[in-house]
Amino acid sequence: PTGDDMVPPCGFGSFHQQYVIDGKLIAV
């Protein structure tokens, strides 16, 4: 992330988005 309006706060690239309920991983 560059801090301007060009790149989102997470940056660009490959990611895993984890869904966690009460500490347990239920989906990725």
mmCIF file of all heavy atoms, coordinates in Angstrom:
data_MODEL
# 
_entry.id   MODEL 
# 
loop_
_atom_site.group_PDB 
_atom_site.id 
_atom_site.type_symbol 
_atom_site.label_atom_id 
_atom_site.label_alt_id 
_atom_site.label_comp_id 
_atom_site.label_asym_id 
_atom_site.label_entity_id 
_atom_site.label_seq_id 
_atom_site.pdbx_PDB_ins_code 
_atom_site.Cartn_x 
_atom_site.Cartn_y 
_atom_site.Cartn_z 
_atom_site.occupancy 
_atom_site.B_iso_or_equiv 
_atom_site.pdbx_formal_charge 
_atom_site.auth_seq_id 
_atom_site.auth_comp_id 
_atom_site.auth_asym_id 
_atom_site.auth_atom_id 
_atom_site.pdbx_PDB_model_num 
ATOM 1   N N   . PRO A 1 1  ? 0.844   -1.214  0.000  1.00 0.00 ? 1  PRO A N   1 
ATOM 2   C CA  . PRO A 1 1  ? 0.000   0.000   0.000  1.00 0.00 ? 1  PRO A CA  1 
ATOM 3   C C   . PRO A 1 1  ? 0.868   1.248   0.000  1.00 0.00 ? 1  PRO A C   1 
ATOM 4   O O   . PRO A 1 1  ? 1.925   1.285   0.628  1.00 0.00 ? 1  PRO A O   1 
ATOM 5   C CB  . PRO A 1 1  ? -0.808  -0.140  1.298  1.00 0.00 ? 1  PRO A CB  1 
ATOM 6   C CG  . PRO A 1 1  ? -0.039  -1.099  2.149  1.00 0.00 ? 1  PRO A CG  1 
ATOM 7   C CD  . PRO A 1 1  ? 0.635   -2.039  1.207  1.00 0.00 ? 1  PRO A CD  1 
ATOM 8   N N   . THR A 1 2  ? 0.429   2.250   -0.729 1.00 0.00 ? 2  THR A N   1 
ATOM 9   C CA  . THR A 1 2  ? 1.230   3.470   -0.886 1.00 0.00 ? 2  THR A CA  1 
ATOM 10  C C   . THR A 1 2  ? 0.696   4.642   -0.070 1.00 0.00 ? 2  THR A C   1 
ATOM 11  O O   . THR A 1 2  ? 1.329   5.686   -0.008 1.00 0.00 ? 2  THR A O   1 
ATOM 12  C CB  . THR A 1 2  ? 1.258   3.877   -2.374 1.00 0.00 ? 2  THR A CB  1 
ATOM 13  O OG1 . THR A 1 2  ? -0.102  4.023   -2.841 1.00 0.00 ? 2  THR A OG1 1 
ATOM 14  C CG2 . THR A 1 2  ? 1.955   2.810   -3.202 1.00 0.00 ? 2  THR A CG2 1 
ATOM 15  N N   . GLY A 1 3  ? -0.499  4.480   0.506  1.00 0.00 ? 3  GLY A N   1 
ATOM 16  C CA  . GLY A 1 3  ? -1.057  5.562   1.298  1.00 0.00 ? 3  GLY A CA  1 
ATOM 17  C C   . GLY A 1 3  ? -1.844  6.556   0.478  1.00 0.00 ? 3  GLY A C   1 
ATOM 18  O O   . GLY A 1 3  ? -2.471  7.467   1.017  1.00 0.00 ? 3  GLY A O   1 
ATOM 19  N N   . ASP A 1 4  ? -1.842  6.411   -0.845 1.00 0.00 ? 4  ASP A N   1 
ATOM 20  C CA  . ASP A 1 4  ? -2.637  7.302   -1.696 1.00 0.00 ? 4  ASP A CA  1 
ATOM 21  C C   . ASP A 1 4  ? -3.851  6.539   -2.214 1.00 0.00 ? 4  ASP A C   1 
ATOM 22  O O   . ASP A 1 4  ? -4.238  5.507   -1.665 1.00 0.00 ? 4  ASP A O   1 
ATOM 23  C CB  . ASP A 1 4  ? -1.796  7.842   -2.859 1.00 0.00 ? 4  ASP A CB  1 
ATOM 24  C CG  . ASP A 1 4  ? -1.116  6.720   -3.636 1.00 0.00 ? 4  ASP A CG  1 
ATOM 25  O OD1 . ASP A 1 4  ? -1.605  5.572   -3.553 1.00 0.00 ? 4  ASP A OD1 1 
ATOM 26  O OD2 . ASP A 1 4  ? -0.130  6.984   -4.327 1.00 0.00 ? 4  ASP A OD2 1 
ATOM 27  N N   . ASP A 1 5  ? -4.468  7.027   -3.262 1.00 0.00 ? 5  ASP A N   1 
ATOM 28  C CA  . ASP A 1 5  ? -5.666  6.388   -3.797 1.00 0.00 ? 5  ASP A CA  1 
ATOM 29  C C   . ASP A 1 5  ? -5.355  5.413   -4.928 1.00 0.00 ? 5  ASP A C   1 
ATOM 30  O O   . ASP A 1 5  ? -6.215  5.098   -5.740 1.00 0.00 ? 5  ASP A O   1 
ATOM 31  C CB  . ASP A 1 5  ? -6.648  7.460   -4.309 1.00 0.00 ? 5  ASP A CB  1 
ATOM 32  C CG  . ASP A 1 5  ? -7.274  8.241   -3.183 1.00 0.00 ? 5  ASP A CG  1 
ATOM 33  O OD1 . ASP A 1 5  ? -7.244  7.729   -2.048 1.00 0.00 ? 5  ASP A OD1 1 
ATOM 34  O OD2 . ASP A 1 5  ? -7.786  9.338   -3.434 1.00 0.00 ? 5  ASP A OD2 1 
ATOM 35  N N   . MET A 1 6  ? -4.145  4.911   -4.974 1.00 0.00 ? 6  MET A N   1 
ATOM 36  C CA  . MET A 1 6  ? -3.752  4.021   -6.052 1.00 0.00 ? 6  MET A CA  1 
ATOM 37  C C   . MET A 1 6  ? -3.771  2.549   -5.649 1.00 0.00 ? 6  MET A C   1 
ATOM 38  O O   . MET A 1 6  ? -3.966  1.672   -6.479 1.00 0.00 ? 6  MET A O   1 
ATOM 39  C CB  . MET A 1 6  ? -2.344  4.389   -6.543 1.00 0.00 ? 6  MET A CB  1 
ATOM 40  C CG  . MET A 1 6  ? -2.218  5.830   -7.021 1.00 0.00 ? 6  MET A CG  1 
ATOM 41  S SD  . MET A 1 6  ? -3.291  6.184   -8.423 1.00 0.00 ? 6  MET A SD  1 
ATOM 42  C CE  . MET A 1 6  ? -2.484  5.200   -9.677 1.00 0.00 ? 6  MET A CE  1 
ATOM 43  N N   . VAL A 1 7  ? -3.565  2.271   -4.352 1.00 0.00 ? 7  VAL A N   1 
ATOM 44  C CA  . VAL A 1 7  ? -3.459  0.896   -3.861 1.00 0.00 ? 7  VAL A CA  1 
ATOM 45  C C   . VAL A 1 7  ? -4.289  0.770   -2.585 1.00 0.00 ? 7  VAL A C   1 
ATOM 46  O O   . VAL A 1 7  ? -4.238  1.645   -1.722 1.00 0.00 ? 7  VAL A O   1 
ATOM 47  C CB  . VAL A 1 7  ? -1.983  0.521   -3.568 1.00 0.00 ? 7  VAL A CB  1 
ATOM 48  C CG1 . VAL A 1 7  ? -1.877  -0.938  -3.114 1.00 0.00 ? 7  VAL A CG1 1 
ATOM 49  C CG2 . VAL A 1 7  ? -1.109  0.766   -4.793 1.00 0.00 ? 7  VAL A CG2 1 
ATOM 50  N N   . PRO A 1 8  ? -5.079  -0.302  -2.433 1.00 0.00 ? 8  PRO A N   1 
ATOM 51  C CA  . PRO A 1 8  ? -5.862  -0.485  -1.211 1.00 0.00 ? 8  PRO A CA  1 
ATOM 52  C C   . PRO A 1 8  ? -4.963  -0.759  -0.003 1.00 0.00 ? 8  PRO A C   1 
ATOM 53  O O   . PRO A 1 8  ? -3.783  -1.091  -0.176 1.00 0.00 ? 8  PRO A O   1 
ATOM 54  C CB  . PRO A 1 8  ? -6.753  -1.684  -1.537 1.00 0.00 ? 8  PRO A CB  1 
ATOM 55  C CG  . PRO A 1 8  ? -5.999  -2.439  -2.583 1.00 0.00 ? 8  PRO A CG  1 
ATOM 56  C CD  . PRO A 1 8  ? -5.288  -1.393  -3.398 1.00 0.00 ? 8  PRO A CD  1 
ATOM 57  N N   . PRO A 1 9  ? -5.484  -0.653  1.214  1.00 0.00 ? 9  PRO A N   1 
ATOM 58  C CA  . PRO A 1 9  ? -4.658  -0.831  2.427  1.00 0.00 ? 9  PRO A CA  1 
ATOM 59  C C   . PRO A 1 9  ? -3.966  -2.185  2.514  1.00 0.00 ? 9  PRO A C   1 
ATOM 60  O O   . PRO A 1 9  ? -2.907  -2.296  3.122  1.00 0.00 ? 9  PRO A O   1 
ATOM 61  C CB  . PRO A 1 9  ? -5.677  -0.676  3.562  1.00 0.00 ? 9  PRO A CB  1 
ATOM 62  C CG  . PRO A 1 9  ? -6.755  0.182   2.994  1.00 0.00 ? 9  PRO A CG  1 
ATOM 63  C CD  . PRO A 1 9  ? -6.854  -0.203  1.557  1.00 0.00 ? 9  PRO A CD  1 
ATOM 64  N N   . CYS A 1 10 ? -4.540  -3.217  1.898  1.00 0.00 ? 10 CYS A N   1 
ATOM 65  C CA  . CYS A 1 10 ? -3.921  -4.547  1.956  1.00 0.00 ? 10 CYS A CA  1 
ATOM 66  C C   . CYS A 1 10 ? -2.847  -4.730  0.893  1.00 0.00 ? 10 CYS A C   1 
ATOM 67  O O   . CYS A 1 10 ? -2.060  -5.679  0.952  1.00 0.00 ? 10 CYS A O   1 
ATOM 68  C CB  . CYS A 1 10 ? -4.986  -5.624  1.794  1.00 0.00 ? 10 CYS A CB  1 
ATOM 69  S SG  . CYS A 1 10 ? -5.841  -5.557  0.202  1.00 0.00 ? 10 CYS A SG  1 
ATOM 70  N N   . GLY A 1 11 ? -2.818  -3.839  -0.114 1.00 0.00 ? 11 GLY A N   1 
ATOM 71  C CA  . GLY A 1 11 ? -1.911  -3.989  -1.235 1.00 0.00 ? 11 GLY A CA  1 
ATOM 72  C C   . GLY A 1 11 ? -2.540  -4.803  -2.357 1.00 0.00 ? 11 GLY A C   1 
ATOM 73  O O   . GLY A 1 11 ? -3.697  -5.227  -2.271 1.00 0.00 ? 11 GLY A O   1 
ATOM 74  N N   . PHE A 1 12 ? -1.779  -5.031  -3.428 1.00 0.00 ? 12 PHE A N   1 
ATOM 75  C CA  . PHE A 1 12 ? -2.204  -5.883  -4.529 1.00 0.00 ? 12 PHE A CA  1 
ATOM 76  C C   . PHE A 1 12 ? -1.425  -7.191  -4.467 1.00 0.00 ? 12 PHE A C   1 
ATOM 77  O O   . PHE A 1 12 ? -0.251  -7.209  -4.077 1.00 0.00 ? 12 PHE A O   1 
ATOM 78  C CB  . PHE A 1 12 ? -1.935  -5.227  -5.887 1.00 0.00 ? 12 PHE A CB  1 
ATOM 79  C CG  . PHE A 1 12 ? -2.792  -4.025  -6.181 1.00 0.00 ? 12 PHE A CG  1 
ATOM 80  C CD1 . PHE A 1 12 ? -2.227  -2.861  -6.708 1.00 0.00 ? 12 PHE A CD1 1 
ATOM 81  C CD2 . PHE A 1 12 ? -4.159  -4.048  -5.950 1.00 0.00 ? 12 PHE A CD2 1 
ATOM 82  C CE1 . PHE A 1 12 ? -3.016  -1.758  -7.000 1.00 0.00 ? 12 PHE A CE1 1 
ATOM 83  C CE2 . PHE A 1 12 ? -4.947  -2.952  -6.237 1.00 0.00 ? 12 PHE A CE2 1 
ATOM 84  C CZ  . PHE A 1 12 ? -4.380  -1.801  -6.759 1.00 0.00 ? 12 PHE A CZ  1 
ATOM 85  N N   . GLY A 1 13 ? -2.064  -8.278  -4.883 1.00 0.00 ? 13 GLY A N   1 
ATOM 86  C CA  . GLY A 1 13 ? -1.384  -9.562  -4.906 1.00 0.00 ? 13 GLY A CA  1 
ATOM 87  C C   . GLY A 1 13 ? -2.349  -10.697 -4.645 1.00 0.00 ? 13 GLY A C   1 
ATOM 88  O O   . GLY A 1 13 ? -3.563  -10.567 -4.838 1.00 0.00 ? 13 GLY A O   1 
ATOM 89  N N   . SER A 1 14 ? -1.815  -11.833 -4.179 1.00 0.00 ? 14 SER A N   1 
ATOM 90  C CA  . SER A 1 14 ? -2.620  -13.026 -3.896 1.00 0.00 ? 14 SER A CA  1 
ATOM 91  C C   . SER A 1 14 ? -2.866  -13.140 -2.398 1.00 0.00 ? 14 SER A C   1 
ATOM 92  O O   . SER A 1 14 ? -1.942  -12.972 -1.591 1.00 0.00 ? 14 SER A O   1 
ATOM 93  C CB  . SER A 1 14 ? -1.897  -14.283 -4.407 1.00 0.00 ? 14 SER A CB  1 
ATOM 94  O OG  . SER A 1 14 ? -1.728  -14.219 -5.805 1.00 0.00 ? 14 SER A OG  1 
ATOM 95  N N   . PHE A 1 15 ? -4.114  -13.459 -2.038 1.00 0.00 ? 15 PHE A N   1 
ATOM 96  C CA  . PHE A 1 15 ? -4.516  -13.478 -0.633 1.00 0.00 ? 15 PHE A CA  1 
ATOM 97  C C   . PHE A 1 15 ? -5.405  -14.678 -0.329 1.00 0.00 ? 15 PHE A C   1 
ATOM 98  O O   . PHE A 1 15 ? -6.023  -15.259 -1.227 1.00 0.00 ? 15 PHE A O   1 
ATOM 99  C CB  . PHE A 1 15 ? -5.291  -12.200 -0.282 1.00 0.00 ? 15 PHE A CB  1 
ATOM 100 C CG  . PHE A 1 15 ? -4.497  -10.928 -0.440 1.00 0.00 ? 15 PHE A CG  1 
ATOM 101 C CD1 . PHE A 1 15 ? -4.393  -10.302 -1.677 1.00 0.00 ? 15 PHE A CD1 1 
ATOM 102 C CD2 . PHE A 1 15 ? -3.836  -10.364 0.637  1.00 0.00 ? 15 PHE A CD2 1 
ATOM 103 C CE1 . PHE A 1 15 ? -3.663  -9.139  -1.836 1.00 0.00 ? 15 PHE A CE1 1 
ATOM 104 C CE2 . PHE A 1 15 ? -3.094  -9.197  0.494  1.00 0.00 ? 15 PHE A CE2 1 
ATOM 105 C CZ  . PHE A 1 15 ? -3.014  -8.583  -0.740 1.00 0.00 ? 15 PHE A CZ  1 
ATOM 106 N N   . HIS A 1 16 ? -5.464  -15.007 0.962  1.00 0.00 ? 16 HIS A N   1 
ATOM 107 C CA  . HIS A 1 16 ? -6.434  -15.964 1.484  1.00 0.00 ? 16 HIS A CA  1 
ATOM 108 C C   . HIS A 1 16 ? -7.331  -15.202 2.453  1.00 0.00 ? 16 HIS A C   1 
ATOM 109 O O   . HIS A 1 16 ? -6.843  -14.560 3.383  1.00 0.00 ? 16 HIS A O   1 
ATOM 110 C CB  . HIS A 1 16 ? -5.749  -17.121 2.205  1.00 0.00 ? 16 HIS A CB  1 
ATOM 111 C CG  . HIS A 1 16 ? -5.087  -18.089 1.286  1.00 0.00 ? 16 HIS A CG  1 
ATOM 112 N ND1 . HIS A 1 16 ? -4.618  -19.310 1.687  1.00 0.00 ? 16 HIS A ND1 1 
ATOM 113 C CD2 . HIS A 1 16 ? -4.823  -18.017 -0.050 1.00 0.00 ? 16 HIS A CD2 1 
ATOM 114 C CE1 . HIS A 1 16 ? -4.085  -19.956 0.665  1.00 0.00 ? 16 HIS A CE1 1 
ATOM 115 N NE2 . HIS A 1 16 ? -4.193  -19.177 -0.405 1.00 0.00 ? 16 HIS A NE2 1 
ATOM 116 N N   . GLN A 1 17 ? -8.629  -15.263 2.204  1.00 0.00 ? 17 GLN A N   1 
ATOM 117 C CA  . GLN A 1 17 ? -9.595  -14.605 3.081  1.00 0.00 ? 17 GLN A CA  1 
ATOM 118 C C   . GLN A 1 17 ? -10.224 -15.666 3.987  1.00 0.00 ? 17 GLN A C   1 
ATOM 119 O O   . GLN A 1 17 ? -10.956 -16.534 3.515  1.00 0.00 ? 17 GLN A O   1 
ATOM 120 C CB  . GLN A 1 17 ? -10.679 -13.890 2.261  1.00 0.00 ? 17 GLN A CB  1 
ATOM 121 C CG  . GLN A 1 17 ? -11.598 -13.025 3.107  1.00 0.00 ? 17 GLN A CG  1 
ATOM 122 C CD  . GLN A 1 17 ? -12.152 -11.842 2.333  1.00 0.00 ? 17 GLN A CD  1 
ATOM 123 O OE1 . GLN A 1 17 ? -11.497 -10.814 2.178  1.00 0.00 ? 17 GLN A OE1 1 
ATOM 124 N NE2 . GLN A 1 17 ? -13.368 -11.971 1.843  1.00 0.00 ? 17 GLN A NE2 1 
ATOM 125 N N   . GLN A 1 18 ? -9.912  -15.599 5.274  1.00 0.00 ? 18 GLN A N   1 
ATOM 126 C CA  . GLN A 1 18 ? -10.360 -16.603 6.229  1.00 0.00 ? 18 GLN A CA  1 
ATOM 127 C C   . GLN A 1 18 ? -11.662 -16.166 6.901  1.00 0.00 ? 18 GLN A C   1 
ATOM 128 O O   . GLN A 1 18 ? -11.801 -15.007 7.299  1.00 0.00 ? 18 GLN A O   1 
ATOM 129 C CB  . GLN A 1 18 ? -9.302  -16.838 7.305  1.00 0.00 ? 18 GLN A CB  1 
ATOM 130 C CG  . GLN A 1 18 ? -7.980  -17.355 6.790  1.00 0.00 ? 18 GLN A CG  1 
ATOM 131 C CD  . GLN A 1 18 ? -6.966  -17.548 7.916  1.00 0.00 ? 18 GLN A CD  1 
ATOM 132 O OE1 . GLN A 1 18 ? -7.021  -16.870 8.939  1.00 0.00 ? 18 GLN A OE1 1 
ATOM 133 N NE2 . GLN A 1 18 ? -6.053  -18.482 7.733  1.00 0.00 ? 18 GLN A NE2 1 
ATOM 134 N N   . TYR A 1 19 ? -12.585 -17.113 7.028  1.00 0.00 ? 19 TYR A N   1 
ATOM 135 C CA  . TYR A 1 19 ? -13.832 -16.900 7.747  1.00 0.00 ? 19 TYR A CA  1 
ATOM 136 C C   . TYR A 1 19 ? -13.747 -17.713 9.037  1.00 0.00 ? 19 TYR A C   1 
ATOM 137 O O   . TYR A 1 19 ? -13.662 -18.949 9.000  1.00 0.00 ? 19 TYR A O   1 
ATOM 138 C CB  . TYR A 1 19 ? -15.027 -17.331 6.903  1.00 0.00 ? 19 TYR A CB  1 
ATOM 139 C CG  . TYR A 1 19 ? -15.191 -16.509 5.645  1.00 0.00 ? 19 TYR A CG  1 
ATOM 140 C CD1 . TYR A 1 19 ? -14.419 -16.777 4.509  1.00 0.00 ? 19 TYR A CD1 1 
ATOM 141 C CD2 . TYR A 1 19 ? -16.096 -15.455 5.589  1.00 0.00 ? 19 TYR A CD2 1 
ATOM 142 C CE1 . TYR A 1 19 ? -14.547 -16.011 3.358  1.00 0.00 ? 19 TYR A CE1 1 
ATOM 143 C CE2 . TYR A 1 19 ? -16.232 -14.687 4.438  1.00 0.00 ? 19 TYR A CE2 1 
ATOM 144 C CZ  . TYR A 1 19 ? -15.457 -14.967 3.333  1.00 0.00 ? 19 TYR A CZ  1 
ATOM 145 O OH  . TYR A 1 19 ? -15.586 -14.210 2.198  1.00 0.00 ? 19 TYR A OH  1 
ATOM 146 N N   . VAL A 1 20 ? -13.746 -17.005 10.161 1.00 0.00 ? 20 VAL A N   1 
ATOM 147 C CA  . VAL A 1 20 ? -13.525 -17.631 11.461 1.00 0.00 ? 20 VAL A CA  1 
ATOM 148 C C   . VAL A 1 20 ? -14.703 -17.316 12.380 1.00 0.00 ? 20 VAL A C   1 
ATOM 149 O O   . VAL A 1 20 ? -15.068 -16.149 12.557 1.00 0.00 ? 20 VAL A O   1 
ATOM 150 C CB  . VAL A 1 20 ? -12.212 -17.130 12.100 1.00 0.00 ? 20 VAL A CB  1 
ATOM 151 C CG1 . VAL A 1 20 ? -11.974 -17.801 13.449 1.00 0.00 ? 20 VAL A CG1 1 
ATOM 152 C CG2 . VAL A 1 20 ? -11.031 -17.378 11.161 1.00 0.00 ? 20 VAL A CG2 1 
ATOM 153 N N   . ILE A 1 21 ? -15.309 -18.350 12.959 1.00 0.00 ? 21 ILE A N   1 
ATOM 154 C CA  . ILE A 1 21 ? -16.404 -18.163 13.910 1.00 0.00 ? 21 ILE A CA  1 
ATOM 155 C C   . ILE A 1 21 ? -15.976 -18.701 15.265 1.00 0.00 ? 21 ILE A C   1 
ATOM 156 O O   . ILE A 1 21 ? -15.637 -19.877 15.405 1.00 0.00 ? 21 ILE A O   1 
ATOM 157 C CB  . ILE A 1 21 ? -17.694 -18.865 13.434 1.00 0.00 ? 21 ILE A CB  1 
ATOM 158 C CG1 . ILE A 1 21 ? -18.236 -18.158 12.193 1.00 0.00 ? 21 ILE A CG1 1 
ATOM 159 C CG2 . ILE A 1 21 ? -18.748 -18.865 14.535 1.00 0.00 ? 21 ILE A CG2 1 
ATOM 160 C CD1 . ILE A 1 21 ? -19.547 -18.719 11.675 1.00 0.00 ? 21 ILE A CD1 1 
ATOM 161 N N   . ASP A 1 22 ? -15.963 -17.806 16.252 1.00 0.00 ? 22 ASP A N   1 
ATOM 162 C CA  . ASP A 1 22 ? -15.563 -18.155 17.621 1.00 0.00 ? 22 ASP A CA  1 
ATOM 163 C C   . ASP A 1 22 ? -14.221 -18.882 17.635 1.00 0.00 ? 22 ASP A C   1 
ATOM 164 O O   . ASP A 1 22 ? -14.034 -19.888 18.328 1.00 0.00 ? 22 ASP A O   1 
ATOM 165 C CB  . ASP A 1 22 ? -16.636 -19.017 18.298 1.00 0.00 ? 22 ASP A CB  1 
ATOM 166 C CG  . ASP A 1 22 ? -17.903 -18.228 18.601 1.00 0.00 ? 22 ASP A CG  1 
ATOM 167 O OD1 . ASP A 1 22 ? -17.847 -16.985 18.569 1.00 0.00 ? 22 ASP A OD1 1 
ATOM 168 O OD2 . ASP A 1 22 ? -18.946 -18.850 18.858 1.00 0.00 ? 22 ASP A OD2 1 
ATOM 169 N N   . GLY A 1 23 ? -13.285 -18.370 16.812 1.00 0.00 ? 23 GLY A N   1 
ATOM 170 C CA  . GLY A 1 23 ? -11.937 -18.922 16.796 1.00 0.00 ? 23 GLY A CA  1 
ATOM 171 C C   . GLY A 1 23 ? -11.750 -20.137 15.915 1.00 0.00 ? 23 GLY A C   1 
ATOM 172 O O   . GLY A 1 23 ? -10.620 -20.613 15.766 1.00 0.00 ? 23 GLY A O   1 
ATOM 173 N N   . LYS A 1 24 ? -12.809 -20.663 15.298 1.00 0.00 ? 24 LYS A N   1 
ATOM 174 C CA  . LYS A 1 24 ? -12.690 -21.849 14.449 1.00 0.00 ? 24 LYS A CA  1 
ATOM 175 C C   . LYS A 1 24 ? -12.780 -21.455 12.979 1.00 0.00 ? 24 LYS A C   1 
ATOM 176 O O   . LYS A 1 24 ? -13.698 -20.755 12.566 1.00 0.00 ? 24 LYS A O   1 
ATOM 177 C CB  . LYS A 1 24 ? -13.793 -22.854 14.780 1.00 0.00 ? 24 LYS A CB  1 
ATOM 178 C CG  . LYS A 1 24 ? -13.705 -24.123 13.926 1.00 0.00 ? 24 LYS A CG  1 
ATOM 179 C CD  . LYS A 1 24 ? -14.839 -25.086 14.223 1.00 0.00 ? 24 LYS A CD  1 
ATOM 180 C CE  . LYS A 1 24 ? -14.750 -26.316 13.324 1.00 0.00 ? 24 LYS A CE  1 
ATOM 181 N NZ  . LYS A 1 24 ? -15.857 -27.261 13.548 1.00 0.00 ? 24 LYS A NZ  1 
ATOM 182 N N   . LEU A 1 25 ? -11.839 -21.929 12.175 1.00 0.00 ? 25 LEU A N   1 
ATOM 183 C CA  . LEU A 1 25 ? -11.819 -21.660 10.739 1.00 0.00 ? 25 LEU A CA  1 
ATOM 184 C C   . LEU A 1 25 ? -12.914 -22.470 10.061 1.00 0.00 ? 25 LEU A C   1 
ATOM 185 O O   . LEU A 1 25 ? -12.947 -23.698 10.171 1.00 0.00 ? 25 LEU A O   1 
ATOM 186 C CB  . LEU A 1 25 ? -10.455 -22.024 10.163 1.00 0.00 ? 25 LEU A CB  1 
ATOM 187 C CG  . LEU A 1 25 ? -10.222 -21.720 8.675  1.00 0.00 ? 25 LEU A CG  1 
ATOM 188 C CD1 . LEU A 1 25 ? -10.178 -20.213 8.450  1.00 0.00 ? 25 LEU A CD1 1 
ATOM 189 C CD2 . LEU A 1 25 ? -8.917  -22.360 8.202  1.00 0.00 ? 25 LEU A CD2 1 
ATOM 190 N N   . ILE A 1 26 ? -13.841 -21.790 9.365  1.00 0.00 ? 26 ILE A N   1 
ATOM 191 C CA  . ILE A 1 26 ? -14.950 -22.494 8.708  1.00 0.00 ? 26 ILE A CA  1 
ATOM 192 C C   . ILE A 1 26 ? -14.884 -22.399 7.186  1.00 0.00 ? 26 ILE A C   1 
ATOM 193 O O   . ILE A 1 26 ? -15.530 -23.195 6.497  1.00 0.00 ? 26 ILE A O   1 
ATOM 194 C CB  . ILE A 1 26 ? -16.308 -21.970 9.188  1.00 0.00 ? 26 ILE A CB  1 
ATOM 195 C CG1 . ILE A 1 26 ? -16.505 -20.507 8.771  1.00 0.00 ? 26 ILE A CG1 1 
ATOM 196 C CG2 . ILE A 1 26 ? -16.473 -22.143 10.690 1.00 0.00 ? 26 ILE A CG2 1 
ATOM 197 C CD1 . ILE A 1 26 ? -17.948 -20.048 8.842  1.00 0.00 ? 26 ILE A CD1 1 
ATOM 198 N N   . ALA A 1 27 ? -14.127 -21.441 6.635  1.00 0.00 ? 27 ALA A N   1 
ATOM 199 C CA  . ALA A 1 27 ? -14.041 -21.302 5.174  1.00 0.00 ? 27 ALA A CA  1 
ATOM 200 C C   . ALA A 1 27 ? -12.829 -20.461 4.815  1.00 0.00 ? 27 ALA A C   1 
ATOM 201 O O   . ALA A 1 27 ? -12.382 -19.620 5.617  1.00 0.00 ? 27 ALA A O   1 
ATOM 202 C CB  . ALA A 1 27 ? -15.310 -20.669 4.604  1.00 0.00 ? 27 ALA A CB  1 
ATOM 203 N N   . VAL A 1 28 ? -12.311 -20.679 3.603  1.00 0.00 ? 28 VAL A N   1 
ATOM 204 C CA  . VAL A 1 28 ? -11.182 -19.897 3.092  1.00 0.00 ? 28 VAL A CA  1 
ATOM 205 C C   . VAL A 1 28 ? -11.452 -19.562 1.630  1.00 0.00 ? 28 VAL A C   1 
ATOM 206 O O   . VAL A 1 28 ? -11.691 -20.456 0.812  1.00 0.00 ? 28 VAL A O   1 
ATOM 207 C CB  . VAL A 1 28 ? -9.852  -20.662 3.207  1.00 0.00 ? 28 VAL A CB  1 
ATOM 208 C CG1 . VAL A 1 28 ? -8.714  -19.834 2.595  1.00 0.00 ? 28 VAL A CG1 1 
ATOM 209 C CG2 . VAL A 1 28 ? -9.538  -21.012 4.644  1.00 0.00 ? 28 VAL A CG2 1 
# 
